[in-house]
Protein backbone atom coordinates (compact mmCIF):
# COMPACT_ATOMS: atom_id res chain seq x y z
CA MET A 1 0.00 0.00 0.00
CA ARG A 2 2.81 2.40 0.88
CA ALA A 3 4.51 1.76 -2.47
CA PHE A 4 1.24 2.47 -4.27
CA LEU A 5 0.88 5.80 -2.44
CA LEU A 6 4.46 6.76 -3.29
CA ILE A 7 3.88 5.96 -6.96
CA LEU A 8 0.62 7.91 -6.93
CA PHE A 9 2.36 10.85 -5.28
CA ALA A 10 5.19 10.77 -7.85
CA LEU A 11 2.71 10.67 -10.73
CA THR A 12 0.77 13.58 -9.26
CA LEU A 13 3.93 15.65 -8.93
CA THR A 14 4.92 14.82 -12.49
CA ALA A 15 1.51 15.96 -13.74
CA CYS A 16 1.80 19.19 -11.75
CA VAL A 17 5.23 19.90 -13.20
CA GLU A 18 3.97 19.27 -16.74
CA VAL A 19 0.98 21.58 -16.22
CA GLN A 20 3.24 24.26 -14.73
CA GLN A 21 5.65 23.99 -17.67
CA ALA A 22 2.79 24.18 -20.18
CA THR A 23 1.38 27.23 -18.41
CA ASP A 24 4.79 28.90 -18.34
CA THR A 25 5.31 28.20 -22.05
CA ALA A 26 1.86 29.58 -22.92
CA GLY A 27 2.50 32.71 -20.85
CA ARG A 28 5.88 33.29 -22.44
CA ASN A 29 4.45 32.82 -25.93
CA ALA A 30 1.68 35.32 -25.16
CA ALA A 31 4.20 37.77 -23.70
CA LYS A 32 6.25 37.61 -26.89
CA THR A 33 3.34 38.97 -28.91
CA VAL A 34 3.38 42.36 -27.16
CA MET A 35 7.11 42.88 -27.60
CA PRO A 36 7.23 44.20 -31.19
CA GLU A 37 4.64 46.89 -30.41
CA ALA A 38 6.38 47.85 -27.18
CA LEU A 39 9.79 47.98 -28.84
CA ALA A 40 8.50 50.09 -31.73
CA VAL A 41 6.72 52.60 -29.49
CA TYR A 42 8.87 52.79 -26.35
CA PHE A 43 12.29 51.72 -27.65
CA PRO A 44 12.60 53.41 -31.07
CA GLN A 45 16.40 53.15 -30.89
CA VAL A 46 16.15 49.36 -31.31
CA PRO A 47 16.47 48.50 -35.03
CA LYS A 48 13.65 46.36 -36.36
CA GLN A 49 16.06 43.54 -37.24
CA LEU A 50 16.88 43.26 -33.52
CA PHE A 51 13.26 42.91 -32.38
CA GLN A 52 13.48 39.10 -32.32
CA PRO A 53 16.69 38.92 -30.25
CA PHE A 54 15.34 41.58 -27.87
CA THR A 55 12.06 39.69 -27.55
CA ASP A 56 13.75 36.36 -26.91
CA CYS A 57 16.26 37.74 -24.40
CA VAL A 58 13.66 39.73 -22.46
CA ILE A 59 11.13 36.91 -22.26
CA ASP A 60 13.78 34.28 -21.47
CA ASN A 61 15.07 36.39 -18.57
CA ALA A 62 11.73 37.60 -17.21
CA ASP A 63 10.47 36.10 -13.98
CA ALA A 64 6.97 34.61 -13.65
CA SER A 65 5.30 37.84 -12.53
CA GLU A 66 6.92 39.80 -15.37
CA VAL A 67 5.82 37.18 -17.89
CA GLN A 68 2.30 37.36 -16.49
CA SER A 69 2.30 41.16 -16.76
CA LEU A 70 3.59 41.09 -20.35
CA ALA A 71 1.09 38.39 -21.31
CA ALA A 72 -1.73 40.54 -19.93
CA ASP A 73 -0.36 43.50 -21.90
CA ALA A 74 -0.60 41.36 -25.03
CA VAL A 75 -4.37 41.49 -24.57
CA THR A 76 -4.72 45.13 -23.53
CA GLY A 77 -1.88 46.61 -25.59
CA ALA A 78 1.53 47.99 -24.73
CA ASP A 79 1.68 50.94 -22.37
CA GLU A 80 4.19 52.61 -20.08
CA ASN A 81 3.92 49.71 -17.61
CA THR A 82 4.92 47.34 -20.40
CA ALA A 83 7.96 49.50 -21.11
CA ASP A 84 8.83 49.60 -17.40
CA THR A 85 8.69 45.80 -17.20
CA ILE A 86 10.92 45.50 -20.25
CA ARG A 87 13.37 48.05 -18.81
CA THR A 88 13.55 46.06 -15.58
CA VAL A 89 14.37 42.86 -17.43
CA LEU A 90 16.84 44.66 -19.71
CA SER A 91 18.72 45.97 -16.69
CA ARG A 92 19.72 42.45 -15.63
CA PRO A 93 23.23 41.28 -16.48
CA GLU A 94 21.85 38.00 -17.85
CA THR A 95 19.62 39.86 -20.30
CA GLN A 96 22.47 42.11 -21.39
CA SER A 97 24.73 39.10 -21.95
CA CYS A 98 21.99 37.46 -23.98
CA LEU A 99 21.65 40.56 -26.17
CA ARG A 100 25.40 40.88 -26.67
CA ALA A 101 25.48 37.28 -27.87
CA ALA A 102 22.36 37.46 -30.03
CA ALA A 103 22.69 40.89 -31.66
CA PRO A 104 25.74 40.20 -33.84
CA ALA A 105 24.11 37.08 -35.28
CA ALA A 106 20.93 39.02 -36.06
CA LEU A 107 22.81 41.87 -37.68
CA ALA A 108 24.94 39.45 -39.73
CA THR A 109 21.81 38.23 -41.54
CA LEU A 110 21.20 41.67 -43.11
């Protein structure tokens, strides 16, 4: 009986992890849809050919609450809060490293 309960517990945890990962992926995909608008309006210095690297680096380095905020902005539209969230994520060393690595590859495809 104890072994059965342990197996059931393990399966339940696995299902929870899969649901959490699916939810995170869906949120990140939704958040990516607001990025081009936000970059165009609030970050005009970013060349259009760098929108994809900026989007990927920001979303990949955003925490769960930032992803949730950006995903909500995808429904309501980009505003100053969207830009503030992006600025916060951009200020992180990990995001800056990501951009330094991704930008040359994006510019090389021109």
